[in-house]
Amino acid sequence: MDIAPIRDGAIFLHTRSPEPAGPAAAAPAAGGEFGGALKNALEGLNESQKSVDVASIKMAAGEGVEVHQVMMAAEQARLQLMLAVEVRNRLLEAYQEISRAQV
């Protein structure tokens, strides 16, 4: 068994760090960094909502999905939605503040 030594308070692992691959990793996200991050977050939110729908349908059909799995997925999707709404509210407030500024 290979045990990594502790040096200067840090643990050195004998693995390579993952490197991004493909054209998507080399080029920045479409619409800039902020726009790409926002798009990715909304796509993730949509996927989590879809996964909750699928899990609840499978649970209702008796296809081996446990209640706690559905409840945890639903709560995670709810929290992601609340975060998205709060980010939208903050962006809207910032836009309104900028539009009120005298030039």
Protein backbone atom coordinates (compact mmCIF):
# COMPACT_ATOMS: atom_id res chain seq x y z
CA MET A 1 0.00 0.00 0.00
CA ASP A 2 1.36 3.41 -1.00
CA ILE A 3 0.97 6.08 1.69
CA ALA A 4 1.54 9.71 0.76
CA PRO A 5 3.99 11.51 3.08
CA ILE A 6 2.99 14.64 4.96
CA ARG A 7 5.30 17.56 4.17
CA ASP A 8 4.91 21.12 5.39
CA GLY A 9 1.35 20.47 6.52
CA ALA A 10 0.18 19.37 3.07
CA ILE A 11 -0.58 15.93 1.75
CA PHE A 12 0.89 15.19 -1.67
CA LEU A 13 -1.17 12.77 -3.69
CA HIS A 14 0.45 10.65 -6.35
CA THR A 15 -2.19 11.37 -8.97
CA ARG A 16 -2.36 13.69 -11.91
CA SER A 17 -4.68 16.64 -11.75
CA PRO A 18 -7.54 16.44 -14.24
CA GLU A 19 -6.99 18.51 -17.34
CA PRO A 20 -9.86 19.85 -19.41
CA ALA A 21 -10.17 18.26 -22.81
CA GLY A 22 -11.98 19.10 -25.99
CA PRO A 23 -12.85 22.33 -27.75
CA ALA A 24 -15.23 23.49 -25.02
CA ALA A 25 -12.40 23.56 -22.47
CA ALA A 26 -10.10 25.59 -24.72
CA ALA A 27 -12.59 28.31 -25.67
CA PRO A 28 -14.45 30.56 -23.21
CA ALA A 29 -18.19 30.07 -22.83
CA ALA A 30 -20.41 31.77 -25.40
CA GLY A 31 -21.52 35.21 -24.26
CA GLY A 32 -18.52 35.78 -22.03
CA GLU A 33 -17.66 34.33 -18.69
CA PHE A 34 -20.66 35.70 -16.80
CA GLY A 35 -23.15 34.86 -19.53
CA GLY A 36 -21.75 31.35 -19.87
CA ALA A 37 -21.84 30.80 -16.12
CA LEU A 38 -25.42 32.03 -15.96
CA LYS A 39 -26.42 29.80 -18.86
CA ASN A 40 -24.76 26.76 -17.25
CA ALA A 41 -26.49 27.46 -13.94
CA LEU A 42 -29.90 27.71 -15.59
CA GLU A 43 -29.30 24.53 -17.56
CA GLY A 44 -28.34 22.77 -14.32
CA LEU A 45 -31.48 24.08 -12.66
CA ASN A 46 -33.58 22.79 -15.54
CA GLU A 47 -31.91 19.37 -15.39
CA SER A 48 -32.51 19.09 -11.64
CA GLN A 49 -36.19 19.96 -12.12
CA LYS A 50 -36.46 17.31 -14.83
CA SER A 51 -34.75 14.70 -12.66
CA VAL A 52 -37.24 15.36 -9.86
CA ASP A 53 -40.10 14.88 -12.30
CA VAL A 54 -38.67 11.61 -13.56
CA ALA A 55 -37.92 10.33 -10.06
CA SER A 56 -41.41 11.13 -8.79
CA ILE A 57 -43.01 9.40 -11.77
CA LYS A 58 -40.82 6.35 -11.23
CA MET A 59 -41.65 6.31 -7.52
CA ALA A 60 -45.38 6.55 -8.24
CA ALA A 61 -45.07 3.69 -10.73
CA GLY A 62 -43.22 1.56 -8.16
CA GLU A 63 -39.99 1.28 -10.15
CA GLY A 64 -37.65 1.05 -7.17
CA VAL A 65 -37.10 4.72 -6.37
CA GLU A 66 -37.22 5.40 -2.65
CA VAL A 67 -39.24 8.24 -1.13
CA HIS A 68 -36.21 9.77 0.56
CA GLN A 69 -34.37 9.99 -2.77
CA VAL A 70 -37.27 11.86 -4.34
CA MET A 71 -37.60 14.18 -1.35
CA MET A 72 -33.89 14.98 -1.33
CA ALA A 73 -33.89 15.67 -5.08
CA ALA A 74 -36.99 17.84 -4.74
CA GLU A 75 -35.45 19.85 -1.91
CA GLN A 76 -32.23 20.33 -3.85
CA ALA A 77 -34.18 21.52 -6.90
CA ARG A 78 -36.22 23.87 -4.70
CA LEU A 79 -33.08 25.40 -3.20
CA GLN A 80 -31.53 25.83 -6.64
CA LEU A 81 -34.69 27.58 -7.82
CA MET A 82 -34.69 29.88 -4.78
CA LEU A 83 -31.05 30.76 -5.48
CA ALA A 84 -31.82 31.49 -9.14
CA VAL A 85 -34.72 33.75 -8.18
CA GLU A 86 -32.55 35.61 -5.67
CA VAL A 87 -29.77 36.11 -8.24
CA ARG A 88 -32.36 37.41 -10.70
CA ASN A 89 -33.69 39.83 -8.08
CA ARG A 90 -30.19 41.11 -7.33
CA LEU A 91 -29.41 41.57 -11.02
CA LEU A 92 -32.67 43.44 -11.53
CA GLU A 93 -31.93 45.69 -8.56
CA ALA A 94 -28.46 46.42 -9.91
CA TYR A 95 -29.87 47.25 -13.36
CA GLN A 96 -32.45 49.58 -11.84
CA GLU A 97 -29.79 51.29 -9.73
CA ILE A 98 -27.61 51.83 -12.81
CA SER A 99 -30.53 53.17 -14.84
CA ARG A 100 -31.33 55.70 -12.08
CA ALA A 101 -27.80 57.04 -12.08
CA GLN A 102 -27.42 60.48 -13.58
CA VAL A 103 -25.04 60.74 -16.46
